[in-house]
Amino acid sequence: MNRNKRLRKAFFLTAVCTLLCAVLSLLWYSGAFLPRWIHWKDGTFSDRSGKYHITLSGKSVCITYDNTVIWNSPNGVKVQDALSCDIDNDQKDELVLLCWKKGRYGAQKPFWVDRDEQTWSQHIFIYEYEQETIRPKWMSSYIGQDVTEIAVNAGKASLNRLFLTDSGQKVNSWIWDSWGFRKEDTEVTFTVFGDNLIHEPIYQYGLRYDKSFGFLFGNLKDVISQSDISVINQETPLSEHPAMYSGYPRFGTPDGVGQAIVNAGFDVVTCATNHALDKGADGVSYTKDFFTSRHITCLGIQTTGEKDYQPYEIIEKNGIRFALLNYTYGTNGIRIPAEYPNLVHLLEDEKKIQQDICRAKADSDFVLLFVHWGTEDTQQPDAFQQKWTQVFLESEADVVIGTHPHTLQPYEVLQSSSGHQMLIYYSIGNYISAQQEKVCTKGGMATFTVSLTSDGYAVTYYGLQPLRIISHGGGKYTAELYDTADS
């Protein structure tokens, strides 16, 4: 009797264990033990042709064509999110699935892997629409990060990118290559220098002892090269004729200084300054042509041959389109020739500049303004700067960098009435000059980083590294960094 009881008890426990294992197995294969942070999306949408209608519901996808179901997502695959977009930039939509399946690999696993894992992992699947069917295009291995959301870049970049947001709200960008996706850098660092103000002693020294003018940037060449985009304000117009060389009050700078800017590795020069017209329309045209012919983006001025107003230039870096604008408060009383109204971009018509910024925003992901303004030799922004700051802020520019006062002024982040944030440097002072006033011998190097975030592109770091101008006598002036002042 006791033996029979023991047998029945053992049979019962075996049956319970078998049933429990079966239930657990069923739950496991159904995905019941997937992470709780997953937000399973539902929705309906179409491809760009409007022929394929996609329904995402209950962790699976169904596609209809001409009111007929032509495809369902594979069994054993749980779909977290789905998109229809031109992810491979071939002008046709693809179906993109963010999904989960057992194992890290598909039918073909690496030769060094003996057996696939049995745990659930996250994947990206890509399918192509082909008439009345759906064809697999790319089935990823394990993604390697916990993705909470997928999106296609909503910006204006020339190529579509897949944005993956992880559980820490960090966004990664992936671009389609010929074989699949590759991860991109989603940060761009800027380094911006102030007035390159070439007084006569400086250019005379260069002409005598260093015609390459390499002494101007030798101390900072490594810093310039390490930045993704480096910018300097070329205060004075360039000339190729020695007869046109001159210093204060109407400058003419040897074009060897321009070549030194090129050799130092700068990407952008800003040229809308109060001295832009010191050598007339020809000086403006020569300066612009000099830089653009050497693949340097030149802002704030236009040649006499550029009839149409061009308020901004676009630079694309790491998938981010930057619109760059440059204005000056005036040109020292020298009138812009009536036949060339766009020769120098002026900070005077508020409505026009608001329209410039609006157009730039529509054509880019991020807007930067370089402005020549303020009162010389002062260390606080004046009423003119404050007025225009509000215009830029409410127009939703992203970063503003000021020059002209020849001194350092404060920098800060402002917030508009709509909640838009704008980083502004009121003045970053001189890069180089022969000015003797103590406040004019201290400049700054503005540094900031623009990154892809879950809320779009934003400044994720900013700071100012002080510079000092050193006179070595005989007209030799150099600039160097000292100390560090971070935000």
Protein backbone atom coordinates (compact mmCIF):
# COMPACT_ATOMS: atom_id res chain seq x y z
CA MET A 1 0.00 0.00 0.00
CA ASN A 2 2.73 2.39 0.95
CA ARG A 3 4.53 1.46 -2.23
CA ASN A 4 1.48 2.25 -4.37
CA LYS A 5 1.06 5.60 -2.65
CA ARG A 6 4.66 6.43 -3.38
CA LEU A 7 4.23 5.44 -7.02
CA ARG A 8 1.07 7.55 -7.38
CA LYS A 9 2.81 10.49 -5.72
CA ALA A 10 5.82 10.14 -7.99
CA PHE A 11 3.56 9.87 -11.04
CA PHE A 12 1.62 12.96 -9.94
CA LEU A 13 4.80 15.00 -9.38
CA THR A 14 6.14 13.86 -12.75
CA ALA A 15 2.91 14.86 -14.44
CA VAL A 16 2.91 18.25 -12.71
CA CYS A 17 6.53 18.89 -13.67
CA THR A 18 5.85 17.83 -17.26
CA LEU A 19 2.83 20.12 -17.43
CA LEU A 20 4.74 22.97 -15.82
CA CYS A 21 7.61 22.54 -18.28
CA ALA A 22 5.15 22.49 -21.15
CA VAL A 23 3.50 25.69 -19.92
CA LEU A 24 6.85 27.40 -19.36
CA SER A 25 8.02 26.25 -22.79
CA LEU A 26 4.84 27.58 -24.36
CA LEU A 27 5.26 30.90 -22.56
CA TRP A 28 8.92 31.04 -23.55
CA TYR A 29 8.25 30.41 -27.22
CA SER A 30 5.35 32.89 -27.18
CA GLY A 31 7.67 35.62 -25.95
CA ALA A 32 6.10 36.03 -22.52
CA PHE A 33 9.51 36.51 -20.92
CA LEU A 34 10.67 39.32 -23.22
CA PRO A 35 11.88 42.47 -21.42
CA ARG A 36 9.16 44.56 -19.80
CA TRP A 37 10.59 47.83 -21.12
CA ILE A 38 9.50 47.00 -24.66
CA HIS A 39 6.70 49.20 -25.99
CA TRP A 40 4.85 47.17 -28.61
CA LYS A 41 3.59 49.48 -31.33
CA ASP A 42 0.31 49.16 -33.26
CA GLY A 43 -0.76 51.10 -36.32
CA THR A 44 -1.58 51.18 -40.02
CA PHE A 45 0.32 52.92 -42.82
CA SER A 46 1.18 52.63 -46.51
CA ASP A 47 4.30 52.68 -48.63
CA ARG A 48 5.03 55.80 -50.72
CA SER A 49 3.25 54.34 -53.76
CA GLY A 50 0.08 53.84 -51.75
CA LYS A 51 -0.31 50.31 -53.14
CA TYR A 52 0.85 48.37 -50.10
CA HIS A 53 -1.06 48.77 -46.85
CA ILE A 54 0.70 47.68 -43.68
CA THR A 55 -1.01 46.78 -40.41
CA LEU A 56 1.05 46.30 -37.24
CA SER A 57 -1.02 44.70 -34.50
CA GLY A 58 -0.50 42.11 -31.78
CA LYS A 59 3.27 41.85 -32.43
CA SER A 60 2.83 40.87 -36.08
CA VAL A 61 2.59 42.59 -39.45
CA CYS A 62 0.06 41.98 -42.21
CA ILE A 63 0.39 43.51 -45.71
CA THR A 64 -2.41 43.85 -48.23
CA TYR A 65 -2.13 44.65 -51.93
CA ASP A 66 -5.25 45.44 -53.96
CA ASN A 67 -7.36 44.47 -50.92
CA THR A 68 -5.72 41.04 -50.78
CA VAL A 69 -3.44 39.81 -48.00
CA ILE A 70 -0.09 39.02 -49.61
CA TRP A 71 2.23 38.69 -46.62
CA ASN A 72 2.40 38.13 -42.86
CA SER A 73 5.47 38.45 -40.68
CA PRO A 74 7.17 35.09 -40.02
CA ASN A 75 6.07 32.79 -37.22
CA GLY A 76 8.37 33.02 -34.22
CA VAL A 77 9.10 36.70 -34.89
CA LYS A 78 7.60 39.34 -32.56
CA VAL A 79 7.42 42.78 -34.20
CA GLN A 80 8.04 45.70 -31.86
CA ASP A 81 7.83 48.49 -34.47
CA ALA A 82 7.67 48.90 -38.25
CA LEU A 83 8.37 51.58 -40.86
CA SER A 84 7.93 51.96 -44.60
CA CYS A 85 10.67 54.19 -45.99
CA ASP A 86 13.46 54.45 -48.55
CA ILE A 87 16.15 53.20 -46.22
CA ASP A 88 18.64 52.18 -48.94
CA ASN A 89 18.24 55.47 -50.86
CA ASP A 90 17.09 53.86 -54.13
CA GLN A 91 13.98 56.06 -54.46
CA LYS A 92 11.72 53.13 -53.49
CA ASP A 93 10.29 52.20 -50.10
CA GLU A 94 11.36 49.23 -48.05
CA LEU A 95 9.62 47.64 -45.07
CA VAL A 96 11.71 47.95 -41.88
CA LEU A 97 10.90 45.78 -38.86
CA LEU A 98 12.27 46.15 -35.35
CA CYS A 99 11.63 42.66 -34.06
CA TRP A 100 12.52 39.88 -31.67
CA LYS A 101 13.32 36.22 -32.33
CA LYS A 102 15.05 33.33 -30.63
CA GLY A 103 18.75 33.21 -31.34
CA ARG A 104 21.22 35.79 -32.56
CA TYR A 105 21.59 34.45 -36.10
CA GLY A 106 19.47 33.47 -39.07
CA ALA A 107 19.83 30.53 -41.45
CA GLN A 108 23.51 31.35 -41.97
CA LYS A 109 25.49 31.74 -38.77
CA PRO A 110 29.24 32.44 -38.56
CA PHE A 111 31.39 29.36 -39.10
CA TRP A 112 32.96 29.78 -35.67
CA VAL A 113 29.58 29.50 -33.89
CA ASP A 114 28.72 25.90 -33.07
CA ARG A 115 25.17 26.41 -31.89
CA ASP A 116 22.87 29.45 -31.85
CA GLU A 117 21.60 30.79 -28.55
CA GLN A 118 18.06 30.00 -27.43
CA THR A 119 17.41 33.35 -25.77
CA TRP A 120 15.29 36.07 -27.38
CA SER A 121 17.22 38.89 -29.06
CA GLN A 122 16.41 42.06 -30.98
CA HIS A 123 16.89 42.39 -34.74
CA ILE A 124 16.30 44.63 -37.76
CA PHE A 125 14.65 42.99 -40.77
CA ILE A 126 14.40 44.72 -44.17
CA TYR A 127 12.01 43.63 -46.93
CA GLU A 128 11.45 44.93 -50.47
CA TYR A 129 8.07 45.38 -52.08
CA GLU A 130 7.90 43.47 -55.37
CA GLN A 131 4.61 43.59 -57.26
CA GLU A 132 2.31 41.31 -55.29
CA THR A 133 4.89 39.88 -52.93
CA ILE A 134 7.42 40.87 -50.27
CA ARG A 135 11.05 39.78 -50.62
CA PRO A 136 13.60 39.59 -47.76
CA LYS A 137 16.47 42.07 -48.33
CA TRP A 138 18.49 42.11 -45.10
CA MET A 139 18.00 40.13 -41.90
CA SER A 140 20.32 41.38 -39.19
CA SER A 141 22.15 39.48 -36.55
CA TYR A 142 21.82 40.66 -32.96
CA ILE A 143 21.73 44.49 -32.89
CA GLY A 144 23.92 44.78 -29.80
CA GLN A 145 21.85 47.40 -27.98
CA ASP A 146 18.40 47.65 -26.40
CA VAL A 147 16.38 49.66 -28.92
CA THR A 148 13.22 51.33 -27.67
CA GLU A 149 12.35 53.19 -30.86
CA ILE A 150 13.25 53.35 -34.55
CA ALA A 151 12.82 56.29 -36.91
CA VAL A 152 14.07 57.62 -40.22
CA ASN A 153 15.92 60.92 -40.03
CA ALA A 154 13.41 63.74 -40.22
CA GLY A 155 16.16 66.19 -41.18
CA LYS A 156 17.36 67.40 -44.56
CA ALA A 157 20.42 65.19 -44.99
CA SER A 158 21.17 63.99 -48.52
CA LEU A 159 20.86 60.31 -47.52
CA ASN A 160 18.22 58.62 -45.37
CA ARG A 161 19.42 57.17 -42.09
CA LEU A 162 17.91 54.81 -39.55
CA PHE A 163 17.83 56.26 -36.03
CA LEU A 164 17.86 53.77 -33.14
CA THR A 165 17.04 55.10 -29.67
CA ASP A 166 18.28 52.95 -26.78
CA SER A 167 16.91 52.56 -23.26
CA GLY A 168 19.17 55.38 -22.06
CA GLN A 169 17.68 57.75 -24.69
CA LYS A 170 20.89 57.77 -26.70
CA VAL A 171 20.29 57.91 -30.44
CA ASN A 172 22.51 56.05 -32.91
CA SER A 173 22.48 56.65 -36.65
CA TRP A 174 22.83 53.82 -39.17
CA ILE A 175 23.25 54.32 -42.92
CA TRP A 176 22.73 51.73 -45.63
CA ASP A 177 25.90 50.58 -47.33
CA SER A 178 26.11 48.22 -50.27
CA TRP A 179 26.04 45.18 -47.99
CA GLY A 180 23.89 46.41 -45.10
CA PHE A 181 23.96 48.99 -42.35
CA ARG A 182 26.97 50.71 -40.85
CA LYS A 183 26.94 52.83 -37.73
CA GLU A 184 27.74 56.52 -38.10
CA ASP A 185 29.19 59.14 -35.82
CA THR A 186 26.32 61.42 -34.78
CA GLU A 187 28.36 64.22 -33.21
CA VAL A 188 29.98 67.25 -34.84
CA THR A 189 32.49 69.41 -32.97
CA PHE A 190 32.98 73.09 -33.80
CA THR A 191 35.96 75.31 -33.06
CA VAL A 192 35.48 79.03 -33.75
CA PHE A 193 38.09 81.80 -33.56
CA GLY A 194 37.55 85.55 -33.50
CA ASP A 195 38.96 88.45 -35.50
CA ASN A 196 41.98 87.75 -37.69
CA LEU A 197 42.88 91.46 -37.73
CA ILE A 198 46.03 91.91 -39.80
CA HIS A 199 47.62 95.23 -38.90
CA GLU A 200 50.56 96.52 -40.95
CA PRO A 201 53.32 95.36 -38.54
CA ILE A 202 51.97 91.80 -38.79
CA TYR A 203 51.93 91.55 -42.56
CA GLN A 204 55.22 93.41 -42.91
CA TYR A 205 56.87 90.84 -40.61
CA GLY A 206 55.43 88.02 -42.68
CA LEU A 207 56.57 89.50 -45.97
CA ARG A 208 60.10 89.88 -44.61
CA TYR A 209 60.59 86.71 -42.59
CA ASP A 210 57.78 84.19 -43.19
CA LYS A 211 55.90 84.65 -46.45
CA SER A 212 53.80 81.56 -45.65
CA PHE A 213 52.47 83.43 -42.60
CA GLY A 214 52.63 80.08 -40.81
CA PHE A 215 53.51 81.83 -37.54
CA LEU A 216 49.89 82.99 -37.28
CA PHE A 217 48.49 79.49 -36.73
CA GLY A 218 51.46 77.33 -35.80
CA ASN A 219 50.53 77.09 -32.11
CA LEU A 220 46.96 75.98 -32.82
CA LYS A 221 47.21 73.87 -35.96
CA ASP A 222 46.63 70.63 -34.03
CA VAL A 223 43.55 72.07 -32.30
CA ILE A 224 42.15 73.20 -35.65
CA SER A 225 42.72 69.82 -37.31
CA GLN A 226 41.06 67.92 -34.45
CA SER A 227 37.77 69.79 -34.86
CA ASP A 228 35.15 68.54 -37.30
CA ILE A 229 34.38 72.10 -38.45
CA SER A 230 36.76 74.98 -37.72
CA VAL A 231 35.89 78.63 -38.34
CA ILE A 232 37.75 81.96 -38.24
CA ASN A 233 36.62 85.54 -38.83
CA GLN A 234 38.79 87.07 -41.56
CA GLU A 235 38.38 90.72 -40.56
CA THR A 236 40.32 92.23 -43.46
CA PRO A 237 39.98 91.77 -47.25
CA LEU A 238 42.70 89.97 -49.18
CA SER A 239 44.76 91.30 -52.09
CA GLU A 240 47.26 89.78 -54.49
CA HIS A 241 48.91 93.12 -55.38
CA PRO A 242 51.51 94.63 -53.02
CA ALA A 243 50.32 98.10 -53.98
CA MET A 244 46.99 97.26 -52.31
CA TYR A 245 48.50 96.13 -48.99
CA SER A 246 47.59 98.45 -46.14
CA GLY A 247 46.78 98.62 -42.45
CA TYR A 248 44.41 100.67 -40.33
CA PRO A 249 42.05 102.37 -41.11
CA ARG A 250 41.44 100.78 -44.53
CA PHE A 251 42.98 97.34 -44.59
CA GLY A 252 44.39 95.34 -47.48
CA THR A 253 45.92 92.01 -46.48
CA PRO A 254 48.41 89.93 -48.47
CA ASP A 255 46.70 86.81 -49.78
CA GLY A 256 49.48 84.80 -48.14
CA VAL A 257 47.43 85.22 -44.95
CA GLY A 258 44.51 83.58 -46.75
CA GLN A 259 46.77 80.73 -47.81
CA ALA A 260 47.90 80.32 -44.20
CA ILE A 261 44.22 79.91 -43.24
CA VAL A 262 43.90 77.20 -45.89
CA ASN A 263 47.12 75.49 -44.77
CA ALA A 264 46.02 75.55 -41.12
CA GLY A 265 43.00 73.43 -42.03
CA PHE A 266 40.10 75.83 -41.52
CA ASP A 267 36.78 74.81 -43.06
CA VAL A 268 34.93 78.14 -42.90
CA VAL A 269 35.83 81.83 -42.97
CA THR A 270 33.40 84.61 -42.05
CA CYS A 271 34.00 87.81 -43.99
CA ALA A 272 31.03 90.11 -43.28
CA THR A 273 32.91 92.75 -41.26
CA ASN A 274 33.06 96.52 -41.03
CA HIS A 275 36.26 96.35 -43.10
CA ALA A 276 34.84 94.15 -45.87
CA LEU A 277 34.65 97.06 -48.33
CA ASP A 278 38.04 98.59 -47.49
CA LYS A 279 39.31 97.62 -50.96
CA GLY A 280 35.99 98.09 -52.71
CA ALA A 281 33.93 95.60 -54.67
CA ASP A 282 37.07 94.11 -56.26
CA GLY A 283 38.50 93.36 -52.81
CA VAL A 284 35.30 91.57 -51.82
CA SER A 285 35.23 89.52 -55.02
CA TYR A 286 38.91 88.59 -54.76
CA THR A 287 38.53 87.49 -51.12
CA LYS A 288 35.48 85.36 -51.87
CA ASP A 289 37.02 83.76 -54.96
CA PHE A 290 40.29 83.11 -53.14
CA PHE A 291 38.66 81.01 -50.44
CA THR A 292 36.00 79.24 -52.49
CA SER A 293 38.56 78.22 -55.12
CA ARG A 294 40.46 76.51 -52.31
CA HIS A 295 37.38 74.70 -51.01
CA ILE A 296 36.91 76.91 -47.96
CA THR A 297 33.32 77.94 -47.25
CA CYS A 298 33.22 81.74 -47.31
CA LEU A 299 30.33 83.48 -45.55
CA GLY A 300 28.82 86.96 -45.49
CA ILE A 301 30.07 88.32 -48.81
CA GLN A 302 29.28 87.75 -52.48
CA THR A 303 31.24 88.48 -55.63
CA THR A 304 30.12 91.00 -58.20
CA GLY A 305 29.23 88.04 -60.40
CA GLU A 306 26.84 86.52 -57.84
CA LYS A 307 23.67 88.41 -58.64
CA ASP A 308 21.18 86.42 -56.56
CA TYR A 309 21.09 86.90 -52.81
CA GLN A 310 22.63 83.90 -51.03
CA PRO A 311 22.05 84.41 -47.30
CA TYR A 312 23.49 81.10 -46.13
CA GLU A 313 25.74 78.21 -47.04
CA ILE A 314 25.12 74.54 -46.23
CA ILE A 315 27.74 72.20 -44.78
CA GLU A 316 26.87 68.55 -44.25
CA LYS A 317 28.87 66.57 -41.70
CA ASN A 318 28.08 63.16 -40.18
CA GLY A 319 24.62 63.27 -41.70
CA ILE A 320 23.77 66.67 -40.21
CA ARG A 321 23.01 69.63 -42.49
CA PHE A 322 24.23 72.91 -41.04
CA ALA A 323 23.07 76.28 -42.39
CA LEU A 324 25.62 79.05 -41.75
CA LEU A 325 24.77 82.76 -41.98
CA ASN A 326 27.02 85.80 -41.50
CA TYR A 327 26.17 89.51 -41.10
CA THR A 328 27.90 92.76 -40.13
CA TYR A 329 26.38 95.85 -38.51
CA GLY A 330 27.95 98.07 -41.21
CA THR A 331 30.96 98.84 -43.40
CA ASN A 332 32.49 101.94 -41.80
CA GLY A 333 30.38 104.31 -43.84
CA ILE A 334 31.48 102.87 -47.20
CA ARG A 335 28.31 102.39 -49.22
CA ILE A 336 27.58 99.13 -50.94
CA PRO A 337 27.46 99.82 -54.71
CA ALA A 338 23.88 100.02 -55.94
CA GLU A 339 24.63 97.59 -58.77
CA TYR A 340 25.88 94.97 -56.26
CA PRO A 341 23.37 95.10 -53.38
CA ASN A 342 24.35 91.68 -52.02
CA LEU A 343 28.09 92.33 -51.86
CA VAL A 344 28.15 92.36 -48.04
CA HIS A 345 25.40 90.92 -45.84
CA LEU A 346 24.20 93.62 -43.45
CA LEU A 347 22.52 93.35 -40.08
CA GLU A 348 19.84 95.96 -40.70
CA ASP A 349 16.54 94.67 -42.17
CA GLU A 350 14.88 92.68 -39.39
CA LYS A 351 12.15 91.15 -41.55
CA LYS A 352 14.64 90.10 -44.21
CA ILE A 353 16.90 88.40 -41.69
CA GLN A 354 13.97 86.62 -40.09
CA GLN A 355 13.12 85.30 -43.55
CA ASP A 356 16.76 84.27 -44.06
CA ILE A 357 16.69 82.23 -40.86
CA CYS A 358 13.32 80.72 -41.75
CA ARG A 359 14.64 79.59 -45.13
CA ALA A 360 17.81 78.24 -43.54
CA LYS A 361 15.81 76.23 -41.01
CA ALA A 362 13.70 74.71 -43.77
CA ASP A 363 16.84 73.68 -45.66
CA SER A 364 18.88 72.30 -42.75
CA ASP A 365 18.90 70.52 -39.43
CA PHE A 366 20.80 73.18 -37.48
CA VAL A 367 21.26 76.96 -37.94
CA LEU A 368 24.39 78.93 -36.95
CA LEU A 369 24.74 82.72 -37.16
CA PHE A 370 28.05 84.58 -37.19
CA VAL A 371 27.51 88.28 -36.45
CA HIS A 372 29.89 91.25 -36.48
CA TRP A 373 28.35 93.67 -33.98
CA GLY A 374 28.71 95.47 -30.65
CA THR A 375 30.81 98.29 -29.25
CA GLU A 376 34.58 98.08 -29.59
CA ASP A 377 36.70 97.56 -26.46
CA THR A 378 33.66 96.77 -24.26
CA GLN A 379 33.20 93.57 -22.29
CA GLN A 380 29.40 93.52 -22.08
CA PRO A 381 26.82 93.33 -24.89
CA ASP A 382 25.23 96.64 -25.85
CA ALA A 383 21.61 97.47 -26.71
CA PHE A 384 22.13 96.69 -30.40
CA GLN A 385 23.39 93.19 -29.58
CA GLN A 386 20.57 92.60 -27.12
CA LYS A 387 17.93 93.67 -29.66
CA TRP A 388 19.23 91.35 -32.36
CA THR A 389 19.72 88.52 -29.86
CA GLN A 390 15.97 88.51 -29.29
CA VAL A 391 15.34 88.48 -33.04
CA PHE A 392 17.62 85.47 -33.47
CA LEU A 393 16.14 83.70 -30.45
CA GLU A 394 12.51 84.09 -31.49
CA SER A 395 13.48 83.09 -35.04
CA GLU A 396 14.88 79.90 -33.44
CA ALA A 397 18.49 80.06 -34.53
CA ASP A 398 20.52 77.41 -32.72
CA VAL A 399 23.93 79.02 -32.15
CA VAL A 400 25.10 82.64 -32.46
CA ILE A 401 28.80 83.66 -32.39
CA GLY A 402 29.73 87.33 -32.21
CA THR A 403 32.87 89.26 -33.18
CA HIS A 404 33.98 92.91 -33.60
CA PRO A 405 34.34 94.30 -30.02
CA HIS A 406 37.93 92.87 -29.98
CA THR A 407 37.27 91.73 -26.40
CA LEU A 408 35.77 88.73 -24.69
CA GLN A 409 32.11 89.06 -23.72
CA PRO A 410 29.84 86.57 -21.91
CA TYR A 411 28.29 83.46 -23.41
CA GLU A 412 25.11 81.69 -22.32
CA VAL A 413 22.13 79.56 -23.34
CA LEU A 414 18.84 81.42 -23.80
CA GLN A 415 15.31 80.05 -24.10
CA SER A 416 12.61 81.55 -26.29
CA SER A 417 8.92 81.97 -25.47
CA SER A 418 8.26 78.71 -27.35
CA GLY A 419 10.91 76.83 -25.37
CA HIS A 420 13.59 76.84 -28.09
CA GLN A 421 17.15 77.00 -26.73
CA MET A 422 19.92 79.05 -28.35
CA LEU A 423 23.61 79.15 -27.43
CA ILE A 424 25.13 82.60 -27.84
CA TYR A 425 28.69 83.95 -27.60
CA TYR A 426 28.31 87.74 -27.63
CA SER A 427 31.95 88.25 -28.59
CA ILE A 428 34.93 85.90 -28.73
CA GLY A 429 37.41 88.75 -29.18
CA ASN A 430 40.49 88.82 -31.38
CA TYR A 431 42.35 85.86 -32.74
CA ILE A 432 45.33 87.99 -33.77
CA SER A 433 45.95 91.74 -33.93
CA ALA A 434 48.56 94.35 -33.07
CA GLN A 435 46.22 96.22 -30.73
CA GLN A 436 47.98 97.19 -27.51
CA GLU A 437 45.01 97.55 -25.14
CA LYS A 438 45.17 94.79 -22.54
CA VAL A 439 41.54 93.70 -23.02
CA CYS A 440 42.23 93.27 -26.75
CA THR A 441 45.10 90.85 -26.21
CA LYS A 442 42.77 88.25 -24.70
CA GLY A 443 40.48 86.36 -27.04
CA GLY A 444 38.67 83.08 -26.93
CA MET A 445 38.16 79.84 -28.83
CA ALA A 446 34.49 78.87 -28.80
CA THR A 447 33.99 75.13 -28.74
CA PHE A 448 30.69 73.28 -28.90
CA THR A 449 29.34 69.91 -29.95
CA VAL A 450 26.13 69.24 -31.86
CA SER A 451 24.71 65.75 -31.36
CA LEU A 452 21.76 63.65 -32.37
CA THR A 453 19.40 63.27 -29.39
CA SER A 454 15.95 61.78 -28.89
CA ASP A 455 14.57 65.31 -29.40
CA GLY A 456 16.54 65.99 -32.58
CA TYR A 457 19.85 67.79 -33.05
CA ALA A 458 21.05 69.83 -30.08
CA VAL A 459 24.12 71.35 -28.45
CA THR A 460 25.35 68.73 -25.99
CA TYR A 461 28.55 70.51 -24.91
CA TYR A 462 29.79 74.08 -25.04
CA GLY A 463 32.70 76.02 -23.64
CA LEU A 464 35.25 78.78 -24.21
CA GLN A 465 39.01 78.35 -24.05
CA PRO A 466 40.83 81.66 -23.51
CA LEU A 467 43.51 82.77 -25.96
CA ARG A 468 46.24 85.30 -25.52
CA ILE A 469 48.08 87.24 -28.18
CA ILE A 470 51.83 87.39 -27.70
CA SER A 471 54.04 90.08 -29.24
CA HIS A 472 57.55 88.85 -29.99
CA GLY A 473 58.70 92.24 -31.26
CA GLY A 474 59.36 93.37 -34.79
CA GLY A 475 55.77 92.75 -35.84
CA LYS A 476 55.66 89.05 -35.00
CA TYR A 477 52.43 88.17 -33.17
CA THR A 478 51.24 84.70 -32.25
CA ALA A 479 48.23 83.30 -30.38
CA GLU A 480 48.16 80.50 -27.86
CA LEU A 481 45.69 78.82 -25.52
CA TYR A 482 45.95 79.20 -21.77
CA ASP A 483 43.83 77.78 -18.97
CA THR A 484 40.37 76.33 -19.69
CA ALA A 485 36.90 77.75 -19.02
CA ASP A 486 34.21 75.16 -19.63
CA SER A 487 30.48 75.57 -19.32
